[in-house]
Amino acid sequence: MDYFIVAIATLSGLYFHWWLYVNIKRWINRDLALSMAPNDAQKQAYMLQKLAEAKTLKVKKAQLQGWLESAAAQYQPESQQPEAPTAP
Protein backbone atom coordinates (compact mmCIF):
# COMPACT_ATOMS: atom_id res chain seq x y z
CA MET A 1 0.00 0.00 0.00
CA ASP A 2 2.89 2.36 0.76
CA TYR A 3 4.29 1.92 -2.75
CA PHE A 4 0.89 2.67 -4.23
CA ILE A 5 0.63 5.95 -2.33
CA VAL A 6 4.17 6.96 -3.33
CA ALA A 7 3.45 6.09 -6.99
CA ILE A 8 0.21 8.09 -7.03
CA ALA A 9 1.87 11.10 -5.37
CA THR A 10 4.81 10.95 -7.79
CA LEU A 11 2.63 10.61 -10.88
CA SER A 12 0.32 13.42 -9.82
CA GLY A 13 3.33 15.66 -9.13
CA LEU A 14 4.82 14.88 -12.54
CA TYR A 15 1.49 15.56 -14.24
CA PHE A 16 1.10 18.87 -12.40
CA HIS A 17 4.59 20.01 -13.40
CA TRP A 18 3.96 19.05 -17.03
CA TRP A 19 0.62 20.90 -17.01
CA LEU A 20 2.25 23.97 -15.45
CA TYR A 21 5.08 23.95 -18.02
CA VAL A 22 2.67 23.69 -20.96
CA ASN A 23 0.41 26.48 -19.69
CA ILE A 24 3.27 28.84 -18.83
CA LYS A 25 4.72 28.26 -22.31
CA ARG A 26 1.30 29.04 -23.83
CA TRP A 27 0.92 32.20 -21.71
CA ILE A 28 4.42 33.41 -22.63
CA ASN A 29 3.75 32.98 -26.35
CA ARG A 30 0.38 34.73 -26.04
CA ASP A 31 1.94 37.63 -24.14
CA LEU A 32 4.66 37.90 -26.79
CA ALA A 33 2.07 38.15 -29.55
CA LEU A 34 -0.08 40.66 -27.65
CA SER A 35 2.94 42.81 -26.76
CA MET A 36 3.33 43.59 -30.46
CA ALA A 37 -0.13 45.16 -30.57
CA PRO A 38 -0.56 47.44 -27.56
CA ASN A 39 -3.90 49.27 -27.27
CA ASP A 40 -5.22 48.02 -30.63
CA ALA A 41 -7.91 45.35 -30.31
CA GLN A 42 -7.98 44.57 -34.04
CA LYS A 43 -4.22 44.10 -34.19
CA GLN A 44 -4.32 41.97 -31.05
CA ALA A 45 -6.88 39.67 -32.68
CA TYR A 46 -4.71 39.58 -35.81
CA MET A 47 -1.61 38.70 -33.77
CA LEU A 48 -3.47 35.90 -31.96
CA GLN A 49 -4.49 34.51 -35.37
CA LYS A 50 -0.86 34.68 -36.48
CA LEU A 51 0.21 32.92 -33.28
CA ALA A 52 -2.24 30.11 -34.04
CA GLU A 53 -0.86 29.99 -37.59
CA ALA A 54 2.69 29.76 -36.23
CA LYS A 55 1.61 26.89 -34.02
CA THR A 56 0.13 24.98 -36.98
CA LEU A 57 3.31 25.66 -38.99
CA LYS A 58 5.34 24.44 -35.99
CA VAL A 59 7.54 27.52 -35.81
CA LYS A 60 10.28 26.87 -33.24
CA LYS A 61 10.52 29.02 -30.11
CA ALA A 62 13.85 30.51 -31.20
CA GLN A 63 12.26 31.74 -34.44
CA LEU A 64 8.85 32.68 -33.06
CA GLN A 65 9.67 36.27 -32.08
CA GLY A 66 11.08 37.10 -35.51
CA TRP A 67 8.18 35.37 -37.22
CA LEU A 68 5.65 37.34 -35.18
CA GLU A 69 7.54 40.61 -35.73
CA SER A 70 7.39 40.11 -39.50
CA ALA A 71 3.68 39.30 -39.23
CA ALA A 72 3.14 42.46 -37.17
CA ALA A 73 4.98 44.50 -39.82
CA GLN A 74 2.64 43.14 -42.50
CA TYR A 75 -0.48 44.15 -40.56
CA GLN A 76 -2.63 46.80 -42.16
CA PRO A 77 -5.51 48.28 -40.18
CA GLU A 78 -8.94 47.57 -41.60
CA SER A 79 -9.39 51.21 -42.58
CA GLN A 80 -6.20 51.11 -44.69
CA GLN A 81 -6.77 47.79 -46.42
CA PRO A 82 -7.57 48.10 -50.12
CA GLU A 83 -11.22 47.68 -50.90
CA ALA A 84 -12.34 44.63 -52.81
CA PRO A 85 -13.58 45.42 -56.31
CA THR A 86 -17.33 45.40 -56.67
CA ALA A 87 -19.13 43.49 -59.39
CA PRO A 88 -20.61 45.67 -62.18
PDB file of N, CA and C in Angstrom:
ATOM      1  N   MET A   1       0.819  -1.195   0.000  1.00  0.00           N
ATOM      2  CA  MET A   1       0.000   0.000   0.000  1.00  0.00           C
ATOM      3  C   MET A   1       0.862   1.258   0.000  1.00  0.00           C
ATOM      4  N   ASP A   2       1.996   1.207   0.703  1.00  0.00           N
ATOM      5  CA  ASP A   2       2.887   2.362   0.759  1.00  0.00           C
ATOM      6  C   ASP A   2       3.415   2.710  -0.630  1.00  0.00           C
ATOM      7  N   TYR A   3       3.772   1.685  -1.405  1.00  0.00           N
ATOM      8  CA  TYR A   3       4.292   1.921  -2.747  1.00  0.00           C
ATOM      9  C   TYR A   3       3.222   2.542  -3.652  1.00  0.00           C
ATOM     10  N   PHE A   4       2.006   2.122  -3.450  1.00  0.00           N
ATOM     11  CA  PHE A   4       0.895   2.673  -4.232  1.00  0.00           C
ATOM     12  C   PHE A   4       0.719   4.164  -3.953  1.00  0.00           C
ATOM     13  N   ILE A   5       0.778   4.548  -2.711  1.00  0.00           N
ATOM     14  CA  ILE A   5       0.632   5.955  -2.331  1.00  0.00           C
ATOM     15  C   ILE A   5       1.788   6.775  -2.896  1.00  0.00           C
ATOM     16  N   VAL A   6       2.996   6.259  -2.797  1.00  0.00           N
ATOM     17  CA  VAL A   6       4.167   6.960  -3.334  1.00  0.00           C
ATOM     18  C   VAL A   6       4.048   7.098  -4.850  1.00  0.00           C
ATOM     19  N   ALA A   7       3.591   6.051  -5.528  1.00  0.00           N
ATOM     20  CA  ALA A   7       3.449   6.089  -6.989  1.00  0.00           C
ATOM     21  C   ALA A   7       2.392   7.119  -7.399  1.00  0.00           C
ATOM     22  N   ILE A   8       1.269   7.132  -6.707  1.00  0.00           N
ATOM     23  CA  ILE A   8       0.208   8.091  -7.026  1.00  0.00           C
ATOM     24  C   ILE A   8       0.696   9.521  -6.779  1.00  0.00           C
ATOM     25  N   ALA A   9       1.369   9.759  -5.673  1.00  0.00           N
ATOM     26  CA  ALA A   9       1.874  11.100  -5.366  1.00  0.00           C
ATOM     27  C   ALA A   9       2.914  11.537  -6.401  1.00  0.00           C
ATOM     28  N   THR A  10       3.782  10.634  -6.800  1.00  0.00           N
ATOM     29  CA  THR A  10       4.811  10.953  -7.792  1.00  0.00           C
ATOM     30  C   THR A  10       4.192  11.243  -9.147  1.00  0.00           C
ATOM     31  N   LEU A  11       3.268  10.412  -9.582  1.00  0.00           N
ATOM     32  CA  LEU A  11       2.626  10.613 -10.882  1.00  0.00           C
ATOM     33  C   LEU A  11       1.802  11.895 -10.913  1.00  0.00           C
ATOM     34  N   SER A  12       1.104  12.184  -9.836  1.00  0.00           N
ATOM     35  CA  SER A  12       0.316  13.416  -9.816  1.00  0.00           C
ATOM     36  C   SER A  12       1.234  14.640  -9.794  1.00  0.00           C
ATOM     37  N   GLY A  13       2.357  14.557  -9.122  1.00  0.00           N
ATOM     38  CA  GLY A  13       3.328  15.659  -9.130  1.00  0.00           C
ATOM     39  C   GLY A  13       3.931  15.864 -10.499  1.00  0.00           C
ATOM     40  N   LEU A  14       4.275  14.781 -11.182  1.00  0.00           N
ATOM     41  CA  LEU A  14       4.816  14.882 -12.543  1.00  0.00           C
ATOM     42  C   LEU A  14       3.788  15.470 -13.502  1.00  0.00           C
ATOM     43  N   TYR A  15       2.550  15.023 -13.383  1.00  0.00           N
ATOM     44  CA  TYR A  15       1.494  15.560 -14.240  1.00  0.00           C
ATOM     45  C   TYR A  15       1.295  17.051 -13.990  1.00  0.00           C
ATOM     46  N   PHE A  16       1.285  17.460 -12.726  1.00  0.00           N
ATOM     47  CA  PHE A  16       1.095  18.869 -12.401  1.00  0.00           C
ATOM     48  C   PHE A  16       2.225  19.715 -12.966  1.00  0.00           C
ATOM     49  N   HIS A  17       3.467  19.256 -12.869  1.00  0.00           N
ATOM     50  CA  HIS A  17       4.592  20.014 -13.401  1.00  0.00           C
ATOM     51  C   HIS A  17       4.530  20.092 -14.928  1.00  0.00           C
ATOM     52  N   TRP A  18       4.120  19.033 -15.582  1.00  0.00           N
ATOM     53  CA  TRP A  18       3.960  19.048 -17.034  1.00  0.00           C
ATOM     54  C   TRP A  18       2.876  20.057 -17.422  1.00  0.00           C
ATOM     55  N   TRP A  19       1.735  19.996 -16.732  1.00  0.00           N
ATOM     56  CA  TRP A  19       0.619  20.897 -17.009  1.00  0.00           C
ATOM     57  C   TRP A  19       1.047  22.349 -16.808  1.00  0.00           C
ATOM     58  N   LEU A  20       1.775  22.630 -15.743  1.00  0.00           N
ATOM     59  CA  LEU A  20       2.246  23.969 -15.446  1.00  0.00           C
ATOM     60  C   LEU A  20       3.211  24.452 -16.530  1.00  0.00           C
ATOM     61  N   TYR A  21       4.116  23.600 -16.969  1.00  0.00           N
ATOM     62  CA  TYR A  21       5.080  23.947 -18.016  1.00  0.00           C
ATOM     63  C   TYR A  21       4.353  24.289 -19.320  1.00  0.00           C
ATOM     64  N   VAL A  22       3.403  23.471 -19.710  1.00  0.00           N
ATOM     65  CA  VAL A  22       2.671  23.690 -20.962  1.00  0.00           C
ATOM     66  C   VAL A  22       1.882  24.995 -20.899  1.00  0.00           C
ATOM     67  N   ASN A  23       1.208  25.257 -19.817  1.00  0.00           N
ATOM     68  CA  ASN A  23       0.409  26.480 -19.695  1.00  0.00           C
ATOM     69  C   ASN A  23       1.267  27.729 -19.609  1.00  0.00           C
ATOM     70  N   ILE A  24       2.376  27.680 -18.900  1.00  0.00           N
ATOM     71  CA  ILE A  24       3.265  28.838 -18.834  1.00  0.00           C
ATOM     72  C   ILE A  24       3.842  29.127 -20.212  1.00  0.00           C
ATOM     73  N   LYS A  25       4.210  28.084 -20.946  1.00  0.00           N
ATOM     74  CA  LYS A  25       4.720  28.264 -22.308  1.00  0.00           C
ATOM     75  C   LYS A  25       3.651  28.912 -23.190  1.00  0.00           C
ATOM     76  N   ARG A  26       2.417  28.473 -23.066  1.00  0.00           N
ATOM     77  CA  ARG A  26       1.303  29.043 -23.833  1.00  0.00           C
ATOM     78  C   ARG A  26       1.078  30.507 -23.457  1.00  0.00           C
ATOM     79  N   TRP A  27       1.124  30.820 -22.158  1.00  0.00           N
ATOM     80  CA  TRP A  27       0.922  32.195 -21.707  1.00  0.00           C
ATOM     81  C   TRP A  27       2.046  33.107 -22.191  1.00  0.00           C
ATOM     82  N   ILE A  28       3.282  32.613 -22.178  1.00  0.00           N
ATOM     83  CA  ILE A  28       4.421  33.407 -22.631  1.00  0.00           C
ATOM     84  C   ILE A  28       4.276  33.739 -24.115  1.00  0.00           C
ATOM     85  N   ASN A  29       3.917  32.748 -24.914  1.00  0.00           N
ATOM     86  CA  ASN A  29       3.747  32.984 -26.347  1.00  0.00           C
ATOM     87  C   ASN A  29       2.601  33.951 -26.615  1.00  0.00           C
ATOM     88  N   ARG A  30       1.519  33.827 -25.868  1.00  0.00           N
ATOM     89  CA  ARG A  30       0.377  34.726 -26.035  1.00  0.00           C
ATOM     90  C   ARG A  30       0.765  36.151 -25.655  1.00  0.00           C
ATOM     91  N   ASP A  31       1.488  36.307 -24.554  1.00  0.00           N
ATOM     92  CA  ASP A  31       1.937  37.632 -24.138  1.00  0.00           C
ATOM     93  C   ASP A  31       2.899  38.242 -25.152  1.00  0.00           C
ATOM     94  N   LEU A  32       3.747  37.408 -25.758  1.00  0.00           N
ATOM     95  CA  LEU A  32       4.660  37.896 -26.792  1.00  0.00           C
ATOM     96  C   LEU A  32       3.876  38.444 -27.977  1.00  0.00           C
ATOM     97  N   ALA A  33       2.878  37.702 -28.418  1.00  0.00           N
ATOM     98  CA  ALA A  33       2.074  38.151 -29.552  1.00  0.00           C
ATOM     99  C   ALA A  33       1.301  39.418 -29.206  1.00  0.00           C
ATOM    100  N   LEU A  34       0.718  39.484 -28.033  1.00  0.00           N
ATOM    101  CA  LEU A  34      -0.075  40.656 -27.648  1.00  0.00           C
ATOM    102  C   LEU A  34       0.792  41.879 -27.369  1.00  0.00           C
ATOM    103  N   SER A  35       2.051  41.668 -27.011  1.00  0.00           N
ATOM    104  CA  SER A  35       2.937  42.806 -26.759  1.00  0.00           C
ATOM    105  C   SER A  35       3.271  43.558 -28.035  1.00  0.00           C
ATOM    106  N   MET A  36       3.058  42.940 -29.171  1.00  0.00           N
ATOM    107  CA  MET A  36       3.334  43.591 -30.456  1.00  0.00           C
ATOM    108  C   MET A  36       2.136  44.384 -30.957  1.00  0.00           C
ATOM    109  N   ALA A  37       1.072  44.421 -30.178  1.00  0.00           N
ATOM    110  CA  ALA A  37      -0.133  45.164 -30.574  1.00  0.00           C
ATOM    111  C   ALA A  37      -0.744  45.869 -29.365  1.00  0.00           C
ATOM    112  N   PRO A  38      -0.003  46.794 -28.753  1.00  0.00           N
ATOM    113  CA  PRO A  38      -0.555  47.444 -27.563  1.00  0.00           C
ATOM    114  C   PRO A  38      -1.699  48.395 -27.921  1.00  0.00           C
ATOM    115  N   ASN A  39      -2.758  48.338 -27.155  1.00  0.00           N
ATOM    116  CA  ASN A  39      -3.898  49.267 -27.267  1.00  0.00           C
ATOM    117  C   ASN A  39      -4.593  49.245 -28.626  1.00  0.00           C
ATOM    118  N   ASP A  40      -4.551  48.141 -29.323  1.00  0.00           N
ATOM    119  CA  ASP A  40      -5.216  48.024 -30.626  1.00  0.00           C
ATOM    120  C   ASP A  40      -5.894  46.652 -30.677  1.00  0.00           C
ATOM    121  N   ALA A  41      -7.186  46.627 -30.407  1.00  0.00           N
ATOM    122  CA  ALA A  41      -7.911  45.353 -30.311  1.00  0.00           C
ATOM    123  C   ALA A  41      -7.896  44.576 -31.624  1.00  0.00           C
ATOM    124  N   GLN A  42      -7.988  45.271 -32.745  1.00  0.00           N
ATOM    125  CA  GLN A  42      -7.979  44.574 -34.037  1.00  0.00           C
ATOM    126  C   GLN A  42      -6.624  43.940 -34.303  1.00  0.00           C
ATOM    127  N   LYS A  43      -5.558  44.653 -33.978  1.00  0.00           N
ATOM    128  CA  LYS A  43      -4.221  44.102 -34.186  1.00  0.00           C
ATOM    129  C   LYS A  43      -3.951  42.962 -33.212  1.00  0.00           C
ATOM    130  N   GLN A  44      -4.491  43.062 -32.003  1.00  0.00           N
ATOM    131  CA  GLN A  44      -4.325  41.970 -31.047  1.00  0.00           C
ATOM    132  C   GLN A  44      -4.994  40.708 -31.561  1.00  0.00           C
ATOM    133  N   ALA A  45      -6.191  40.827 -32.111  1.00  0.00           N
ATOM    134  CA  ALA A  45      -6.878  39.668 -32.682  1.00  0.00           C
ATOM    135  C   ALA A  45      -6.080  39.102 -33.855  1.00  0.00           C
ATOM    136  N   TYR A  46      -5.532  40.000 -34.670  1.00  0.00           N
ATOM    137  CA  TYR A  46      -4.706  39.585 -35.805  1.00  0.00           C
ATOM    138  C   TYR A  46      -3.473  38.828 -35.328  1.00  0.00           C
ATOM    139  N   MET A  47      -2.820  39.341 -34.284  1.00  0.00           N
ATOM    140  CA  MET A  47      -1.613  38.697 -33.773  1.00  0.00           C
ATOM    141  C   MET A  47      -1.928  37.343 -33.150  1.00  0.00           C
ATOM    142  N   LEU A  48      -3.086  37.204 -32.508  1.00  0.00           N
ATOM    143  CA  LEU A  48      -3.468  35.898 -31.964  1.00  0.00           C
ATOM    144  C   LEU A  48      -3.743  34.904 -33.088  1.00  0.00           C
ATOM    145  N   GLN A  49      -4.302  35.382 -34.202  1.00  0.00           N
ATOM    146  CA  GLN A  49      -4.489  34.508 -35.367  1.00  0.00           C
ATOM    147  C   GLN A  49      -3.144  34.079 -35.927  1.00  0.00           C
ATOM    148  N   LYS A  50      -2.191  35.011 -35.974  1.00  0.00           N
ATOM    149  CA  LYS A  50      -0.858  34.682 -36.481  1.00  0.00           C
ATOM    150  C   LYS A  50      -0.139  33.722 -35.529  1.00  0.00           C
ATOM    151  N   LEU A  51      -0.378  33.854 -34.236  1.00  0.00           N
ATOM    152  CA  LEU A  51       0.207  32.925 -33.276  1.00  0.00           C
ATOM    153  C   LEU A  51      -0.338  31.520 -33.498  1.00  0.00           C
ATOM    154  N   ALA A  52      -1.640  31.415 -33.751  1.00  0.00           N
ATOM    155  CA  ALA A  52      -2.243  30.114 -34.044  1.00  0.00           C
ATOM    156  C   ALA A  52      -1.669  29.546 -35.346  1.00  0.00           C
ATOM    157  N   GLU A  53      -1.455  30.431 -36.320  1.00  0.00           N
ATOM    158  CA  GLU A  53      -0.861  29.987 -37.588  1.00  0.00           C
ATOM    159  C   GLU A  53       0.566  29.486 -37.370  1.00  0.00           C
ATOM    160  N   ALA A  54       1.320  30.183 -36.533  1.00  0.00           N
ATOM    161  CA  ALA A  54       2.687  29.765 -36.228  1.00  0.00           C
ATOM    162  C   ALA A  54       2.690  28.405 -35.540  1.00  0.00           C
ATOM    163  N   LYS A  55       1.700  28.177 -34.704  1.00  0.00           N
ATOM    164  CA  LYS A  55       1.608  26.887 -34.022  1.00  0.00           C
ATOM    165  C   LYS A  55       1.322  25.770 -35.014  1.00  0.00           C
ATOM    166  N   THR A  56       0.436  26.013 -35.992  1.00  0.00           N
ATOM    167  CA  THR A  56       0.132  24.978 -36.982  1.00  0.00           C
ATOM    168  C   THR A  56       1.321  24.746 -37.914  1.00  0.00           C
ATOM    169  N   LEU A  57       2.115  25.805 -38.160  1.00  0.00           N
ATOM    170  CA  LEU A  57       3.315  25.661 -38.987  1.00  0.00           C
ATOM    171  C   LEU A  57       4.501  25.119 -38.200  1.00  0.00           C
ATOM    172  N   LYS A  58       4.314  24.959 -36.895  1.00  0.00           N
ATOM    173  CA  LYS A  58       5.335  24.438 -35.987  1.00  0.00           C
ATOM    174  C   LYS A  58       6.612  25.279 -36.016  1.00  0.00           C
ATOM    175  N   VAL A  59       6.420  26.605 -35.892  1.00  0.00           N
ATOM    176  CA  VAL A  59       7.545  27.523 -35.808  1.00  0.00           C
ATOM    177  C   VAL A  59       8.227  27.295 -34.463  1.00  0.00           C
ATOM    178  N   LYS A  60       9.538  27.145 -34.481  1.00  0.00           N
ATOM    179  CA  LYS A  60      10.276  26.870 -33.244  1.00  0.00           C
ATOM    180  C   LYS A  60      10.348  28.128 -32.373  1.00  0.00           C
ATOM    181  N   LYS A  61      10.516  27.920 -31.078  1.00  0.00           N
ATOM    182  CA  LYS A  61      10.519  29.015 -30.108  1.00  0.00           C
ATOM    183  C   LYS A  61      11.596  30.036 -30.437  1.00  0.00           C
ATOM    184  N   ALA A  62      12.766  29.587 -30.888  1.00  0.00           N
ATOM    185  CA  ALA A  62      13.850  30.515 -31.202  1.00  0.00           C
ATOM    186  C   ALA A  62      13.497  31.418 -32.378  1.00  0.00           C
ATOM    187  N   GLN A  63      12.631  30.972 -33.263  1.00  0.00           N
ATOM    188  CA  GLN A  63      12.259  31.737 -34.443  1.00  0.00           C
ATOM    189  C   GLN A  63      10.916  32.451 -34.288  1.00  0.00           C
ATOM    190  N   LEU A  64      10.204  32.166 -33.213  1.00  0.00           N
ATOM    191  CA  LEU A  64       8.846  32.683 -33.059  1.00  0.00           C
ATOM    192  C   LEU A  64       8.807  34.210 -32.980  1.00  0.00           C
ATOM    193  N   GLN A  65       9.709  34.814 -32.229  1.00  0.00           N
ATOM    194  CA  GLN A  65       9.670  36.268 -32.079  1.00  0.00           C
ATOM    195  C   GLN A  65       9.878  36.952 -33.430  1.00  0.00           C
ATOM    196  N   GLY A  66      10.851  36.517 -34.194  1.00  0.00           N
ATOM    197  CA  GLY A  66      11.084  37.103 -35.508  1.00  0.00           C
ATOM    198  C   GLY A  66       9.916  36.880 -36.445  1.00  0.00           C
ATOM    199  N   TRP A  67       9.327  35.702 -36.365  1.00  0.00           N
ATOM    200  CA  TRP A  67       8.180  35.371 -37.217  1.00  0.00           C
ATOM    201  C   TRP A  67       7.001  36.282 -36.888  1.00  0.00           C
ATOM    202  N   LEU A  68       6.754  36.478 -35.594  1.00  0.00           N
ATOM    203  CA  LEU A  68       5.649  37.344 -35.182  1.00  0.00           C
ATOM    204  C   LEU A  68       5.938  38.809 -35.508  1.00  0.00           C
ATOM    205  N   GLU A  69       7.199  39.227 -35.393  1.00  0.00           N
ATOM    206  CA  GLU A  69       7.542  40.607 -35.734  1.00  0.00           C
ATOM    207  C   GLU A  69       7.306  40.874 -37.217  1.00  0.00           C
ATOM    208  N   SER A  70       7.638  39.910 -38.066  1.00  0.00           N
ATOM    209  CA  SER A  70       7.388  40.107 -39.499  1.00  0.00           C
ATOM    210  C   SER A  70       5.883  40.104 -39.789  1.00  0.00           C
ATOM    211  N   ALA A  71       5.135  39.294 -39.062  1.00  0.00           N
ATOM    212  CA  ALA A  71       3.677  39.300 -39.228  1.00  0.00           C
ATOM    213  C   ALA A  71       3.094  40.626 -38.761  1.00  0.00           C
ATOM    214  N   ALA A  72       3.627  41.170 -37.677  1.00  0.00           N
ATOM    215  CA  ALA A  72       3.143  42.461 -37.174  1.00  0.00           C
ATOM    216  C   ALA A  72       3.465  43.575 -38.161  1.00  0.00           C
ATOM    217  N   ALA A  73       4.610  43.483 -38.835  1.00  0.00           N
ATOM    218  CA  ALA A  73       4.981  44.503 -39.819  1.00  0.00           C
ATOM    219  C   ALA A  73       4.073  44.452 -41.038  1.00  0.00           C
ATOM    220  N   GLN A  74       3.509  43.289 -41.341  1.00  0.00           N
ATOM    221  CA  GLN A  74       2.640  43.138 -42.498  1.00  0.00           C
ATOM    222  C   GLN A  74       1.200  43.543 -42.205  1.00  0.00           C
ATOM    223  N   TYR A  75       0.893  43.801 -40.951  1.00  0.00           N
ATOM    224  CA  TYR A  75      -0.477  44.151 -40.562  1.00  0.00           C
ATOM    225  C   TYR A  75      -0.863  45.500 -41.136  1.00  0.00           C
ATOM    226  N   GLN A  76      -2.056  45.537 -41.700  1.00  0.00           N
ATOM    227  CA  GLN A  76      -2.631  46.801 -42.160  1.00  0.00           C
ATOM    228  C   GLN A  76      -3.987  46.945 -41.469  1.00  0.00           C
ATOM    229  N   PRO A  77      -4.209  48.077 -40.825  1.00  0.00           N
ATOM    230  CA  PRO A  77      -5.509  48.275 -40.175  1.00  0.00           C
ATOM    231  C   PRO A  77      -6.637  48.161 -41.192  1.00  0.00           C
ATOM    232  N   GLU A  78      -7.790  47.797 -40.714  1.00  0.00           N
ATOM    233  CA  GLU A  78      -8.941  47.567 -41.596  1.00  0.00           C
ATOM    234  C   GLU A  78      -9.283  48.807 -42.416  1.00  0.00           C
ATOM    235  N   SER A  79      -9.075  49.990 -41.858  1.00  0.00           N
ATOM    236  CA  SER A  79      -9.389  51.215 -42.578  1.00  0.00           C
ATOM    237  C   SER A  79      -8.397  51.488 -43.703  1.00  0.00           C
ATOM    238  N   GLN A  80      -7.208  50.878 -43.650  1.00  0.00           N
ATOM    239  CA  GLN A  80      -6.197  51.110 -44.691  1.00  0.00           C
ATOM    240  C   GLN A  80      -6.108  49.975 -45.692  1.00  0.00           C
ATOM    241  N   GLN A  81      -6.825  48.908 -45.490  1.00  0.00           N
ATOM    242  CA  GLN A  81      -6.767  47.788 -46.418  1.00  0.00           C
ATOM    243  C   GLN A  81      -7.470  48.181 -47.710  1.00  0.00           C
ATOM    244  N   PRO A  82      -6.917  47.753 -48.842  1.00  0.00           N
ATOM    245  CA  PRO A  82      -7.566  48.098 -50.117  1.00  0.00           C
ATOM    246  C   PRO A  82      -8.936  47.451 -50.207  1.00  0.00           C
ATOM    247  N   GLU A  83      -9.862  48.186 -50.783  1.00  0.00           N
ATOM    248  CA  GLU A  83     -11.222  47.679 -50.899  1.00  0.00           C
ATOM    249  C   GLU A  83     -11.296  46.635 -52.000  1.00  0.00           C
ATOM    250  N   ALA A  84     -12.142  45.653 -51.805  1.00  0.00           N
ATOM    251  CA  ALA A  84     -12.340  44.626 -52.807  1.00  0.00           C
ATOM    252  C   ALA A  84     -13.163  45.224 -53.954  1.00  0.00           C
ATOM    253  N   PRO A  85     -12.810  44.870 -55.182  1.00  0.00           N
ATOM    254  CA  PRO A  85     -13.583  45.416 -56.312  1.00  0.00           C
ATOM    255  C   PRO A  85     -15.016  44.914 -56.277  1.00  0.00           C
ATOM    256  N   THR A  86     -15.913  45.764 -56.646  1.00  0.00           N
ATOM    257  CA  THR A  86     -17.331  45.396 -56.672  1.00  0.00           C
ATOM    258  C   THR A  86     -17.703  44.897 -58.060  1.00  0.00           C
ATOM    259  N   ALA A  87     -18.660  44.025 -58.099  1.00  0.00           N
ATOM    260  CA  ALA A  87     -19.126  43.486 -59.394  1.00  0.00           C
ATOM    261  C   ALA A  87     -19.966  44.537 -60.101  1.00  0.00           C
ATOM    262  N   PRO A  88     -19.825  44.657 -61.437  1.00  0.00           N
ATOM    263  CA  PRO A  88     -20.607  45.669 -62.178  1.00  0.00           C
ATOM    264  C   PRO A  88     -22.073  45.344 -62.232  1.00  0.00           C
TER     265      PRO A  88
END
